[in-house]
């Protein structure tokens, strides 16, 4: 089944709207990237206008910034501790923006969107 990001068939009151046109290719959605902890793998996605977007399928590195000193370093991701997007993501080690991951330096909060940006950035907490 295709994922559509078009207009809803229901109005705010719950009544059914009559569609004045069909679906468009530009309204087509895609499955979530669900970046996991493993060796680095990227997926190229063709976007509108022939551009490319890098989806991070798996990774085990994070660009970690210490807010106090302002220094950034690349460290390993040991696992996902907390993920407000979905509690099930913790068990599956899926990284999204806002997830708390465990690193050798301490716990870090992910500030980038791995499925959109193709990289994992985070800050120490």
PDB file of N, CA and C in Angstrom:
ATOM      1  N   UNK A   1       0.838  -1.179   0.000  1.00  0.00           N
ATOM      2  CA  UNK A   1       0.000   0.000   0.000  1.00  0.00           C
ATOM      3  C   UNK A   1       0.879   1.237   0.000  1.00  0.00           C
ATOM      4  N   UNK A   2       0.558   2.207  -0.814  1.00  0.00           N
ATOM      5  CA  UNK A   2       1.349   3.434  -0.916  1.00  0.00           C
ATOM      6  C   UNK A   2       1.031   4.369   0.246  1.00  0.00           C
ATOM      7  N   UNK A   3       2.012   5.158   0.630  1.00  0.00           N
ATOM      8  CA  UNK A   3       1.842   6.159   1.674  1.00  0.00           C
ATOM      9  C   UNK A   3       1.562   7.490   0.993  1.00  0.00           C
ATOM     10  N   UNK A   4       0.428   8.110   1.337  1.00  0.00           N
ATOM     11  CA  UNK A   4       0.044   9.366   0.711  1.00  0.00           C
ATOM     12  C   UNK A   4       0.145  10.498   1.723  1.00  0.00           C
ATOM     13  N   UNK A   5       0.682  11.642   1.294  1.00  0.00           N
ATOM     14  CA  UNK A   5       0.773  12.819   2.144  1.00  0.00           C
ATOM     15  C   UNK A   5      -0.126  13.923   1.610  1.00  0.00           C
ATOM     16  N   UNK A   6      -1.195  13.544   0.929  1.00  0.00           N
ATOM     17  CA  UNK A   6      -2.123  14.506   0.353  1.00  0.00           C
ATOM     18  C   UNK A   6      -3.143  14.979   1.378  1.00  0.00           C
ATOM     19  N   UNK A   7      -4.157  15.681   0.886  1.00  0.00           N
ATOM     20  CA  UNK A   7      -5.202  16.233   1.739  1.00  0.00           C
ATOM     21  C   UNK A   7      -6.047  15.113   2.337  1.00  0.00           C
ATOM     22  N   UNK A   8      -6.476  15.300   3.559  1.00  0.00           N
ATOM     23  CA  UNK A   8      -7.290  14.313   4.247  1.00  0.00           C
ATOM     24  C   UNK A   8      -8.678  14.213   3.618  1.00  0.00           C
ATOM     25  N   UNK A   9      -9.281  13.039   3.704  1.00  0.00           N
ATOM     26  CA  UNK A   9     -10.628  12.854   3.176  1.00  0.00           C
ATOM     27  C   UNK A   9     -11.676  13.283   4.192  1.00  0.00           C
ATOM     28  N   UNK A  10     -11.262  13.677   5.372  1.00  0.00           N
ATOM     29  CA  UNK A  10     -12.187  14.083   6.430  1.00  0.00           C
ATOM     30  C   UNK A  10     -11.979  15.554   6.783  1.00  0.00           C
ATOM     31  N   UNK A  11     -13.067  16.231   7.106  1.00  0.00           N
ATOM     32  CA  UNK A  11     -12.987  17.619   7.553  1.00  0.00           C
ATOM     33  C   UNK A  11     -12.727  17.621   9.061  1.00  0.00           C
ATOM     34  N   UNK A  12     -12.400  18.787   9.662  1.00  0.00           N
ATOM     35  CA  UNK A  12     -12.149  18.817  11.113  1.00  0.00           C
ATOM     36  C   UNK A  12     -13.318  18.305  11.953  1.00  0.00           C
ATOM     37  N   UNK A  13     -14.553  18.438  11.447  1.00  0.00           N
ATOM     38  CA  UNK A  13     -15.713  17.952  12.204  1.00  0.00           C
ATOM     39  C   UNK A  13     -15.901  16.447  12.063  1.00  0.00           C
ATOM     40  N   UNK A  14     -15.189  15.837  11.108  1.00  0.00           N
ATOM     41  CA  UNK A  14     -15.310  14.400  10.903  1.00  0.00           C
ATOM     42  C   UNK A  14     -16.131  14.029   9.691  1.00  0.00           C
ATOM     43  N   UNK A  15     -16.766  15.013   9.042  1.00  0.00           N
ATOM     44  CA  UNK A  15     -17.542  14.732   7.840  1.00  0.00           C
ATOM     45  C   UNK A  15     -16.603  14.404   6.686  1.00  0.00           C
ATOM     46  N   UNK A  16     -17.107  13.641   5.736  1.00  0.00           N
ATOM     47  CA  UNK A  16     -16.287  13.240   4.609  1.00  0.00           C
ATOM     48  C   UNK A  16     -16.273  14.338   3.551  1.00  0.00           C
ATOM     49  N   UNK A  17     -15.042  14.719   3.119  1.00  0.00           N
ATOM     50  CA  UNK A  17     -14.891  15.703   2.058  1.00  0.00           C
ATOM     51  C   UNK A  17     -15.002  15.028   0.695  1.00  0.00           C
ATOM     52  N   UNK A  18     -15.553  15.732  -0.265  1.00  0.00           N
ATOM     53  CA  UNK A  18     -15.605  15.248  -1.635  1.00  0.00           C
ATOM     54  C   UNK A  18     -14.335  15.725  -2.331  1.00  0.00           C
ATOM     55  N   UNK A  19     -13.551  14.792  -2.859  1.00  0.00           N
ATOM     56  CA  UNK A  19     -12.281  15.143  -3.494  1.00  0.00           C
ATOM     57  C   UNK A  19     -12.542  15.895  -4.788  1.00  0.00           C
ATOM     58  N   UNK A  20     -11.833  17.009  -4.989  1.00  0.00           N
ATOM     59  CA  UNK A  20     -11.983  17.756  -6.229  1.00  0.00           C
ATOM     60  C   UNK A  20     -10.899  17.400  -7.233  1.00  0.00           C
ATOM     61  N   UNK A  21      -9.970  16.551  -6.836  1.00  0.00           N
ATOM     62  CA  UNK A  21      -8.948  16.061  -7.758  1.00  0.00           C
ATOM     63  C   UNK A  21      -8.364  14.772  -7.187  1.00  0.00           C
ATOM     64  N   UNK A  22      -7.578  14.067  -7.993  1.00  0.00           N
ATOM     65  CA  UNK A  22      -6.974  12.814  -7.560  1.00  0.00           C
ATOM     66  C   UNK A  22      -5.635  13.030  -6.879  1.00  0.00           C
ATOM     67  N   UNK A  23      -4.957  11.930  -6.597  1.00  0.00           N
ATOM     68  CA  UNK A  23      -3.639  11.990  -5.956  1.00  0.00           C
ATOM     69  C   UNK A  23      -2.588  12.438  -6.954  1.00  0.00           C
ATOM     70  N   UNK A  24      -1.510  13.027  -6.446  1.00  0.00           N
ATOM     71  CA  UNK A  24      -0.416  13.501  -7.279  1.00  0.00           C
ATOM     72  C   UNK A  24       0.871  12.785  -6.891  1.00  0.00           C
ATOM     73  N   UNK A  25       1.766  12.639  -7.859  1.00  0.00           N
ATOM     74  CA  UNK A  25       3.055  12.000  -7.605  1.00  0.00           C
ATOM     75  C   UNK A  25       3.838  12.757  -6.530  1.00  0.00           C
ATOM     76  N   UNK A  26       3.681  14.091  -6.503  1.00  0.00           N
ATOM     77  CA  UNK A  26       4.418  14.907  -5.530  1.00  0.00           C
ATOM     78  C   UNK A  26       3.922  14.684  -4.104  1.00  0.00           C
ATOM     79  N   UNK A  27       2.751  14.084  -3.928  1.00  0.00           N
ATOM     80  CA  UNK A  27       2.199  13.823  -2.599  1.00  0.00           C
ATOM     81  C   UNK A  27       2.525  12.422  -2.094  1.00  0.00           C
ATOM     82  N   UNK A  28       3.317  11.687  -2.860  1.00  0.00           N
ATOM     83  CA  UNK A  28       3.668  10.324  -2.479  1.00  0.00           C
ATOM     84  C   UNK A  28       4.660  10.342  -1.327  1.00  0.00           C
ATOM     85  N   UNK A  29       4.407   9.570  -0.297  1.00  0.00           N
ATOM     86  CA  UNK A  29       5.306   9.476   0.853  1.00  0.00           C
ATOM     87  C   UNK A  29       6.161   8.234   0.747  1.00  0.00           C
ATOM     88  N   UNK A  30       7.106   8.096   1.689  1.00  0.00           N
ATOM     89  CA  UNK A  30       7.978   6.922   1.722  1.00  0.00           C
ATOM     90  C   UNK A  30       8.000   6.334   3.124  1.00  0.00           C
ATOM     91  N   UNK A  31       8.454   5.086   3.212  1.00  0.00           N
ATOM     92  CA  UNK A  31       8.589   4.440   4.507  1.00  0.00           C
ATOM     93  C   UNK A  31       9.649   5.149   5.330  1.00  0.00           C
ATOM     94  N   UNK A  32       9.540   5.130   6.678  1.00  0.00           N
ATOM     95  CA  UNK A  32      10.567   5.757   7.509  1.00  0.00           C
ATOM     96  C   UNK A  32      11.910   5.039   7.370  1.00  0.00           C
ATOM     97  N   UNK A  33      12.998   5.779   7.551  1.00  0.00           N
ATOM     98  CA  UNK A  33      14.340   5.223   7.358  1.00  0.00           C
ATOM     99  C   UNK A  33      14.687   4.212   8.448  1.00  0.00           C
ATOM    100  N   UNK A  34      14.296   4.486   9.694  1.00  0.00           N
ATOM    101  CA  UNK A  34      14.582   3.626  10.848  1.00  0.00           C
ATOM    102  C   UNK A  34      16.061   3.245  10.914  1.00  0.00           C
ATOM    103  N   UNK A  35      16.910   4.240  11.155  1.00  0.00           N
ATOM    104  CA  UNK A  35      18.352   4.052  11.251  1.00  0.00           C
ATOM    105  C   UNK A  35      18.691   3.200  12.471  1.00  0.00           C
ATOM    106  N   UNK A  36      19.430   2.108  12.249  1.00  0.00           N
ATOM    107  CA  UNK A  36      19.798   1.197  13.323  1.00  0.00           C
ATOM    108  C   UNK A  36      21.281   1.324  13.664  1.00  0.00           C
ATOM    109  N   UNK A  37      21.689   0.731  14.784  1.00  0.00           N
ATOM    110  CA  UNK A  37      23.096   0.731  15.206  1.00  0.00           C
ATOM    111  C   UNK A  37      23.772  -0.495  14.606  1.00  0.00           C
ATOM    112  N   UNK A  38      24.721  -0.262  13.682  1.00  0.00           N
ATOM    113  CA  UNK A  38      25.470  -1.317  13.004  1.00  0.00           C
ATOM    114  C   UNK A  38      26.531  -0.638  12.150  1.00  0.00           C
ATOM    115  N   UNK A  39      27.234  -1.383  11.298  1.00  0.00           N
ATOM    116  CA  UNK A  39      28.207  -0.777  10.380  1.00  0.00           C
ATOM    117  C   UNK A  39      27.505   0.206   9.450  1.00  0.00           C
ATOM    118  N   UNK A  40      28.215   1.262   9.025  1.00  0.00           N
ATOM    119  CA  UNK A  40      27.596   2.339   8.253  1.00  0.00           C
ATOM    120  C   UNK A  40      27.135   1.879   6.870  1.00  0.00           C
ATOM    121  N   UNK A  41      25.854   2.181   6.568  1.00  0.00           N
ATOM    122  CA  UNK A  41      25.283   1.927   5.247  1.00  0.00           C
ATOM    123  C   UNK A  41      24.379   3.095   4.893  1.00  0.00           C
ATOM    124  N   UNK A  42      24.544   3.625   3.682  1.00  0.00           N
ATOM    125  CA  UNK A  42      23.721   4.729   3.187  1.00  0.00           C
ATOM    126  C   UNK A  42      22.832   4.243   2.053  1.00  0.00           C
ATOM    127  N   UNK A  43      21.669   4.875   1.914  1.00  0.00           N
ATOM    128  CA  UNK A  43      20.775   4.621   0.802  1.00  0.00           C
ATOM    129  C   UNK A  43      20.537   5.931   0.070  1.00  0.00           C
ATOM    130  N   UNK A  44      20.641   5.925  -1.247  1.00  0.00           N
ATOM    131  CA  UNK A  44      20.370   7.123  -2.025  1.00  0.00           C
ATOM    132  C   UNK A  44      18.910   7.117  -2.448  1.00  0.00           C
ATOM    133  N   UNK A  45      18.242   8.227  -2.234  1.00  0.00           N
ATOM    134  CA  UNK A  45      16.847   8.388  -2.607  1.00  0.00           C
ATOM    135  C   UNK A  45      16.754   9.513  -3.627  1.00  0.00           C
ATOM    136  N   UNK A  46      16.071   9.258  -4.750  1.00  0.00           N
ATOM    137  CA  UNK A  46      15.871  10.319  -5.731  1.00  0.00           C
ATOM    138  C   UNK A  46      14.705  11.185  -5.284  1.00  0.00           C
ATOM    139  N   UNK A  47      14.949  12.491  -5.185  1.00  0.00           N
ATOM    140  CA  UNK A  47      13.916  13.406  -4.747  1.00  0.00           C
ATOM    141  C   UNK A  47      13.437  14.253  -5.916  1.00  0.00           C
ATOM    142  N   UNK A  48      12.570  15.183  -5.638  1.00  0.00           N
ATOM    143  CA  UNK A  48      11.986  16.024  -6.671  1.00  0.00           C
ATOM    144  C   UNK A  48      13.055  16.844  -7.386  1.00  0.00           C
ATOM    145  N   UNK A  49      12.973  16.907  -8.684  1.00  0.00           N
ATOM    146  CA  UNK A  49      13.933  17.663  -9.474  1.00  0.00           C
ATOM    147  C   UNK A  49      15.177  16.868  -9.802  1.00  0.00           C
ATOM    148  N   UNK A  50      15.185  15.566  -9.507  1.00  0.00           N
ATOM    149  CA  UNK A  50      16.339  14.734  -9.813  1.00  0.00           C
ATOM    150  C   UNK A  50      17.447  14.827  -8.784  1.00  0.00           C
ATOM    151  N   UNK A  51      17.213  15.538  -7.683  1.00  0.00           N
ATOM    152  CA  UNK A  51      18.215  15.633  -6.624  1.00  0.00           C
ATOM    153  C   UNK A  51      18.271  14.335  -5.846  1.00  0.00           C
ATOM    154  N   UNK A  52      19.313  14.188  -5.027  1.00  0.00           N
ATOM    155  CA  UNK A  52      19.465  12.976  -4.224  1.00  0.00           C
ATOM    156  C   UNK A  52      19.510  13.321  -2.748  1.00  0.00           C
ATOM    157  N   UNK A  53      18.929  12.449  -1.949  1.00  0.00           N
ATOM    158  CA  UNK A  53      18.942  12.580  -0.502  1.00  0.00           C
ATOM    159  C   UNK A  53      19.574  11.311   0.046  1.00  0.00           C
ATOM    160  N   UNK A  54      20.446  11.449   1.034  1.00  0.00           N
ATOM    161  CA  UNK A  54      21.101  10.288   1.628  1.00  0.00           C
ATOM    162  C   UNK A  54      20.337   9.850   2.861  1.00  0.00           C
ATOM    163  N   UNK A  55      19.887   8.609   2.843  1.00  0.00           N
ATOM    164  CA  UNK A  55      19.236   8.018   4.005  1.00  0.00           C
ATOM    165  C   UNK A  55      20.254   7.147   4.718  1.00  0.00           C
ATOM    166  N   UNK A  56      20.406   7.348   6.006  1.00  0.00           N
ATOM    167  CA  UNK A  56      21.335   6.544   6.788  1.00  0.00           C
ATOM    168  C   UNK A  56      20.596   5.290   7.242  1.00  0.00           C
ATOM    169  N   UNK A  57      20.965   4.146   6.673  1.00  0.00           N
ATOM    170  CA  UNK A  57      20.300   2.887   7.025  1.00  0.00           C
ATOM    171  C   UNK A  57      20.824   2.365   8.353  1.00  0.00           C
ATOM    172  N   UNK A  58      22.151   2.299   8.495  1.00  0.00           N
ATOM    173  CA  UNK A  58      22.773   1.855   9.738  1.00  0.00           C
ATOM    174  C   UNK A  58      24.037   2.671   9.983  1.00  0.00           C
ATOM    175  N   UNK A  59      24.390   2.842  11.256  1.00  0.00           N
ATOM    176  CA  UNK A  59      25.624   3.536  11.626  1.00  0.00           C
ATOM    177  C   UNK A  59      26.016   3.151  13.044  1.00  0.00           C
ATOM    178  N   UNK A  60      27.303   3.329  13.356  1.00  0.00           N
ATOM    179  CA  UNK A  60      27.761   3.108  14.725  1.00  0.00           C
ATOM    180  C   UNK A  60      28.650   4.257  15.205  1.00  0.00           C
ATOM    181  N   UNK A  61      28.597   5.405  14.503  1.00  0.00           N
ATOM    182  CA  UNK A  61      29.383   6.590  14.861  1.00  0.00           C
ATOM    183  C   UNK A  61      28.463   7.785  15.062  1.00  0.00           C
ATOM    184  N   UNK A  62      28.897   8.723  15.917  1.00  0.00           N
ATOM    185  CA  UNK A  62      28.161   9.950  16.164  1.00  0.00           C
ATOM    186  C   UNK A  62      29.138  11.105  16.259  1.00  0.00           C
ATOM    187  N   UNK A  63      28.790  12.245  15.656  1.00  0.00           N
ATOM    188  CA  UNK A  63      29.560  13.480  15.806  1.00  0.00           C
ATOM    189  C   UNK A  63      29.103  14.121  17.110  1.00  0.00           C
ATOM    190  N   UNK A  64      29.906  13.982  18.151  1.00  0.00           N
ATOM    191  CA  UNK A  64      29.509  14.366  19.500  1.00  0.00           C
ATOM    192  C   UNK A  64      30.107  15.713  19.868  1.00  0.00           C
ATOM    193  N   UNK A  65      29.257  16.667  20.242  1.00  0.00           N
ATOM    194  CA  UNK A  65      29.699  18.003  20.635  1.00  0.00           C
ATOM    195  C   UNK A  65      29.498  18.180  22.131  1.00  0.00           C
ATOM    196  N   UNK A  66      30.558  18.659  22.807  1.00  0.00           N
ATOM    197  CA  UNK A  66      30.474  19.022  24.213  1.00  0.00           C
ATOM    198  C   UNK A  66      30.114  20.500  24.269  1.00  0.00           C
ATOM    199  N   UNK A  67      28.939  20.816  24.798  1.00  0.00           N
ATOM    200  CA  UNK A  67      28.446  22.192  24.787  1.00  0.00           C
ATOM    201  C   UNK A  67      29.329  23.102  25.638  1.00  0.00           C
ATOM    202  N   UNK A  68      29.887  22.586  26.733  1.00  0.00           N
ATOM    203  CA  UNK A  68      30.699  23.411  27.639  1.00  0.00           C
ATOM    204  C   UNK A  68      31.987  23.876  26.982  1.00  0.00           C
ATOM    205  N   UNK A  69      32.672  22.969  26.286  1.00  0.00           N
ATOM    206  CA  UNK A  69      33.951  23.325  25.673  1.00  0.00           C
ATOM    207  C   UNK A  69      33.808  23.713  24.205  1.00  0.00           C
ATOM    208  N   UNK A  70      32.739  23.270  23.552  1.00  0.00           N
ATOM    209  CA  UNK A  70      32.542  23.569  22.136  1.00  0.00           C
ATOM    210  C   UNK A  70      33.307  22.642  21.212  1.00  0.00           C
ATOM    211  N   UNK A  71      33.933  21.606  21.759  1.00  0.00           N
ATOM    212  CA  UNK A  71      34.708  20.652  20.956  1.00  0.00           C
ATOM    213  C   UNK A  71      33.799  19.555  20.415  1.00  0.00           C
ATOM    214  N   UNK A  72      34.101  19.125  19.181  1.00  0.00           N
ATOM    215  CA  UNK A  72      33.354  18.041  18.542  1.00  0.00           C
ATOM    216  C   UNK A  72      34.294  16.902  18.202  1.00  0.00           C
ATOM    217  N   UNK A  73      33.858  15.674  18.454  1.00  0.00           N
ATOM    218  CA  UNK A  73      34.661  14.502  18.121  1.00  0.00           C
ATOM    219  C   UNK A  73      33.740  13.376  17.651  1.00  0.00           C
ATOM    220  N   UNK A  74      34.312  12.465  16.881  1.00  0.00           N
ATOM    221  CA  UNK A  74      33.564  11.311  16.389  1.00  0.00           C
ATOM    222  C   UNK A  74      33.779  10.161  17.372  1.00  0.00           C
ATOM    223  N   UNK A  75      32.688   9.638  17.913  1.00  0.00           N
ATOM    224  CA  UNK A  75      32.772   8.534  18.867  1.00  0.00           C
ATOM    225  C   UNK A  75      31.809   7.423  18.460  1.00  0.00           C
ATOM    226  N   UNK A  76      31.943   6.288  19.131  1.00  0.00           N
ATOM    227  CA  UNK A  76      31.100   5.126  18.844  1.00  0.00           C
ATOM    228  C   UNK A  76      29.753   5.248  19.554  1.00  0.00           C
ATOM    229  N   UNK A  77      28.742   4.640  18.961  1.00  0.00           N
ATOM    230  CA  UNK A  77      27.434   4.501  19.601  1.00  0.00           C
ATOM    231  C   UNK A  77      27.363   3.087  20.165  1.00  0.00           C
ATOM    232  N   UNK A  78      27.155   2.985  21.474  1.00  0.00           N
ATOM    233  CA  UNK A  78      27.074   1.676  22.118  1.00  0.00           C
ATOM    234  C   UNK A  78      25.647   1.124  22.083  1.00  0.00           C
ATOM    235  N   UNK A  79      24.662   2.009  22.162  1.00  0.00           N
ATOM    236  CA  UNK A  79      23.267   1.561  22.109  1.00  0.00           C
ATOM    237  C   UNK A  79      22.318   2.711  22.345  1.00  0.00           C
ATOM    238  N   UNK A  80      21.037   2.464  22.122  1.00  0.00           N
ATOM    239  CA  UNK A  80      20.001   3.469  22.340  1.00  0.00           C
ATOM    240  C   UNK A  80      19.415   3.257  23.729  1.00  0.00           C
ATOM    241  N   UNK A  81      19.394   4.333  24.520  1.00  0.00           N
ATOM    242  CA  UNK A  81      18.894   4.251  25.897  1.00  0.00           C
ATOM    243  C   UNK A  81      17.436   4.671  25.984  1.00  0.00           C
ATOM    244  N   UNK A  82      17.097   5.756  25.263  1.00  0.00           N
ATOM    245  CA  UNK A  82      15.746   6.318  25.356  1.00  0.00           C
ATOM    246  C   UNK A  82      15.371   6.900  24.003  1.00  0.00           C
ATOM    247  N   UNK A  83      14.100   6.744  23.625  1.00  0.00           N
ATOM    248  CA  UNK A  83      13.618   7.326  22.382  1.00  0.00           C
ATOM    249  C   UNK A  83      12.145   7.685  22.569  1.00  0.00           C
ATOM    250  N   UNK A  84      11.865   8.992  22.629  1.00  0.00           N
ATOM    251  CA  UNK A  84      10.497   9.445  22.855  1.00  0.00           C
ATOM    252  C   UNK A  84       9.597   9.221  21.642  1.00  0.00           C
ATOM    253  N   UNK A  85      10.190   9.067  20.457  1.00  0.00           N
ATOM    254  CA  UNK A  85       9.394   8.859  19.245  1.00  0.00           C
ATOM    255  C   UNK A  85       8.599   7.559  19.346  1.00  0.00           C
ATOM    256  N   UNK A  86       9.217   6.511  19.906  1.00  0.00           N
ATOM    257  CA  UNK A  86       8.551   5.223  20.019  1.00  0.00           C
ATOM    258  C   UNK A  86       9.326   4.373  21.028  1.00  0.00           C
ATOM    259  N   UNK A  87       8.702   3.923  22.108  1.00  0.00           N
ATOM    260  CA  UNK A  87       9.418   3.095  23.098  1.00  0.00           C
ATOM    261  C   UNK A  87       9.980   1.798  22.505  1.00  0.00           C
ATOM    262  N   UNK A  88       9.338   1.293  21.455  1.00  0.00           N
ATOM    263  CA  UNK A  88       9.802   0.072  20.811  1.00  0.00           C
ATOM    264  C   UNK A  88      11.141   0.275  20.113  1.00  0.00           C
ATOM    265  N   UNK A  89      11.469   1.524  19.721  1.00  0.00           N
ATOM    266  CA  UNK A  89      12.728   1.829  19.048  1.00  0.00           C
ATOM    267  C   UNK A  89      13.931   1.552  19.939  1.00  0.00           C
ATOM    268  N   UNK A  90      13.775   1.630  21.257  1.00  0.00           N
ATOM    269  CA  UNK A  90      14.889   1.364  22.177  1.00  0.00           C
ATOM    270  C   UNK A  90      15.312  -0.094  22.067  1.00  0.00           C
ATOM    271  N   UNK A  91      14.345  -0.985  22.057  1.00  0.00           N
ATOM    272  CA  UNK A  91      14.638  -2.417  21.946  1.00  0.00           C
ATOM    273  C   UNK A  91      15.254  -2.767  20.614  1.00  0.00           C
ATOM    274  N   UNK A  92      14.847  -2.048  19.556  1.00  0.00           N
ATOM    275  CA  UNK A  92      15.338  -2.333  18.205  1.00  0.00           C
ATOM    276  C   UNK A  92      16.577  -1.518  17.852  1.00  0.00           C
ATOM    277  N   UNK A  93      17.070  -0.671  18.784  1.00  0.00           N
ATOM    278  CA  UNK A  93      18.249   0.181  18.569  1.00  0.00           C
ATOM    279  C   UNK A  93      18.081   1.083  17.347  1.00  0.00           C
ATOM    280  N   UNK A  94      16.930   1.734  17.238  1.00  0.00           N
ATOM    281  CA  UNK A  94      16.664   2.650  16.134  1.00  0.00           C
ATOM    282  C   UNK A  94      16.909   4.082  16.600  1.00  0.00           C
ATOM    283  N   UNK A  95      17.673   4.838  15.779  1.00  0.00           N
ATOM    284  CA  UNK A  95      18.072   6.199  16.124  1.00  0.00           C
ATOM    285  C   UNK A  95      17.218   7.189  15.344  1.00  0.00           C
ATOM    286  N   UNK A  96      16.580   8.120  16.066  1.00  0.00           N
ATOM    287  CA  UNK A  96      15.858   9.228  15.452  1.00  0.00           C
ATOM    288  C   UNK A  96      16.284  10.509  16.166  1.00  0.00           C
ATOM    289  N   UNK A  97      15.823  11.650  15.664  1.00  0.00           N
ATOM    290  CA  UNK A  97      16.119  12.914  16.329  1.00  0.00           C
ATOM    291  C   UNK A  97      15.482  12.902  17.713  1.00  0.00           C
ATOM    292  N   UNK A  98      16.239  13.313  18.724  1.00  0.00           N
ATOM    293  CA  UNK A  98      15.742  13.333  20.091  1.00  0.00           C
ATOM    294  C   UNK A  98      16.050  12.072  20.874  1.00  0.00           C
ATOM    295  N   UNK A  99      16.578  11.043  20.210  1.00  0.00           N
ATOM    296  CA  UNK A  99      16.918   9.800  20.902  1.00  0.00           C
ATOM    297  C   UNK A  99      18.140  10.021  21.791  1.00  0.00           C
ATOM    298  N   UNK A 100      18.184   9.339  22.926  1.00  0.00           N
ATOM    299  CA  UNK A 100      19.344   9.381  23.814  1.00  0.00           C
ATOM    300  C   UNK A 100      20.146   8.111  23.582  1.00  0.00           C
ATOM    301  N   UNK A 101      21.429   8.289  23.179  1.00  0.00           N
ATOM    302  CA  UNK A 101      22.292   7.143  22.891  1.00  0.00           C
ATOM    303  C   UNK A 101      23.443   7.100  23.894  1.00  0.00           C
ATOM    304  N   UNK A 102      23.960   5.896  24.100  1.00  0.00           N
ATOM    305  CA  UNK A 102      25.081   5.697  25.016  1.00  0.00           C
ATOM    306  C   UNK A 102      26.378   5.704  24.220  1.00  0.00           C
ATOM    307  N   UNK A 103      27.363   6.495  24.685  1.00  0.00           N
ATOM    308  CA  UNK A 103      28.673   6.576  24.053  1.00  0.00           C
ATOM    309  C   UNK A 103      29.752   6.395  25.122  1.00  0.00           C
ATOM    310  N   UNK A 104      31.008   6.147  24.733  1.00  0.00           N
ATOM    311  CA  UNK A 104      32.085   6.058  25.730  1.00  0.00           C
ATOM    312  C   UNK A 104      32.281   7.357  26.513  1.00  0.00           C
ATOM    313  N   UNK A 105      31.893   8.507  25.945  1.00  0.00           N
ATOM    314  CA  UNK A 105      32.035   9.802  26.610  1.00  0.00           C
ATOM    315  C   UNK A 105      30.903  10.072  27.591  1.00  0.00           C
ATOM    316  N   UNK A 106      29.786   9.355  27.455  1.00  0.00           N
ATOM    317  CA  UNK A 106      28.595   9.574  28.268  1.00  0.00           C
ATOM    318  C   UNK A 106      27.364   9.520  27.380  1.00  0.00           C
ATOM    319  N   UNK A 107      26.220   9.842  27.966  1.00  0.00           N
ATOM    320  CA  UNK A 107      24.974   9.836  27.197  1.00  0.00           C
ATOM    321  C   UNK A 107      24.895  11.071  26.306  1.00  0.00           C
ATOM    322  N   UNK A 108      24.322  10.898  25.115  1.00  0.00           N
ATOM    323  CA  UNK A 108      24.211  11.997  24.156  1.00  0.00           C
ATOM    324  C   UNK A 108      22.820  12.021  23.561  1.00  0.00           C
ATOM    325  N   UNK A 109      22.339  13.234  23.283  1.00  0.00           N
ATOM    326  CA  UNK A 109      21.039  13.411  22.640  1.00  0.00           C
ATOM    327  C   UNK A 109      21.267  13.715  21.166  1.00  0.00           C
ATOM    328  N   UNK A 110      20.568  13.000  20.289  1.00  0.00           N
ATOM    329  CA  UNK A 110      20.722  13.172  18.837  1.00  0.00           C
ATOM    330  C   UNK A 110      20.005  14.452  18.409  1.00  0.00           C
ATOM    331  N   UNK A 111      20.728  15.320  17.681  1.00  0.00           N
ATOM    332  CA  UNK A 111      20.169  16.602  17.248  1.00  0.00           C
ATOM    333  C   UNK A 111      19.891  16.641  15.750  1.00  0.00           C
ATOM    334  N   UNK A 112      20.401  15.681  14.985  1.00  0.00           N
ATOM    335  CA  UNK A 112      20.164  15.654  13.543  1.00  0.00           C
ATOM    336  C   UNK A 112      19.073  14.644  13.215  1.00  0.00           C
ATOM    337  N   UNK A 113      18.662  14.634  11.963  1.00  0.00           N
ATOM    338  CA  UNK A 113      17.671  13.666  11.499  1.00  0.00           C
ATOM    339  C   UNK A 113      18.372  12.668  10.586  1.00  0.00           C
ATOM    340  N   UNK A 114      18.788  11.501  11.120  1.00  0.00           N
ATOM    341  CA  UNK A 114      19.597  10.562  10.332  1.00  0.00           C
ATOM    342  C   UNK A 114      18.930  10.095   9.043  1.00  0.00           C
ATOM    343  N   UNK A 115      17.625   9.938   9.052  1.00  0.00           N
ATOM    344  CA  UNK A 115      16.921   9.488   7.856  1.00  0.00           C
ATOM    345  C   UNK A 115      16.830  10.551   6.777  1.00  0.00           C
ATOM    346  N   UNK A 116      17.048  11.815   7.139  1.00  0.00           N
ATOM    347  CA  UNK A 116      16.986  12.919   6.179  1.00  0.00           C
ATOM    348  C   UNK A 116      18.378  13.433   5.819  1.00  0.00           C
ATOM    349  N   UNK A 117      19.281  13.510   6.822  1.00  0.00           N
ATOM    350  CA  UNK A 117      20.587  14.154   6.646  1.00  0.00           C
ATOM    351  C   UNK A 117      21.692  13.177   6.253  1.00  0.00           C
ATOM    352  N   UNK A 118      21.567  11.912   6.646  1.00  0.00           N
ATOM    353  CA  UNK A 118      22.612  10.938   6.355  1.00  0.00           C
ATOM    354  C   UNK A 118      23.754  10.982   7.326  1.00  0.00           C
ATOM    355  N   UNK A 119      23.582  11.644   8.476  1.00  0.00           N
ATOM    356  CA  UNK A 119      24.639  11.751   9.493  1.00  0.00           C
ATOM    357  C   UNK A 119      23.973  11.846  10.861  1.00  0.00           C
ATOM    358  N   UNK A 120      24.695  11.387  11.910  1.00  0.00           N
ATOM    359  CA  UNK A 120      24.180  11.475  13.267  1.00  0.00           C
ATOM    360  C   UNK A 120      25.021  12.482  14.039  1.00  0.00           C
ATOM    361  N   UNK A 121      24.409  13.590  14.441  1.00  0.00           N
ATOM    362  CA  UNK A 121      25.043  14.589  15.284  1.00  0.00           C
ATOM    363  C   UNK A 121      24.367  14.549  16.642  1.00  0.00           C
ATOM    364  N   UNK A 122      25.129  14.873  17.698  1.00  0.00           N
ATOM    365  CA  UNK A 122      24.546  14.857  19.027  1.00  0.00           C
ATOM    366  C   UNK A 122      25.306  15.741  19.984  1.00  0.00           C
ATOM    367  N   UNK A 123      24.675  16.015  21.150  1.00  0.00           N
ATOM    368  CA  UNK A 123      25.307  16.799  22.212  1.00  0.00           C
ATOM    369  C   UNK A 123      25.324  15.964  23.487  1.00  0.00           C
ATOM    370  N   UNK A 124      26.372  16.160  24.282  1.00  0.00           N
ATOM    371  CA  UNK A 124      26.473  15.469  25.574  1.00  0.00           C
ATOM    372  C   UNK A 124      25.424  15.995  26.538  1.00  0.00           C
ATOM    373  N   UNK A 125      24.815  15.093  27.277  1.00  0.00           N
ATOM    374  CA  UNK A 125      23.841  15.528  28.314  1.00  0.00           C
ATOM    375  C   UNK A 125      24.281  15.028  29.658  1.00  0.00           C
TER     376      UNK A 125
END
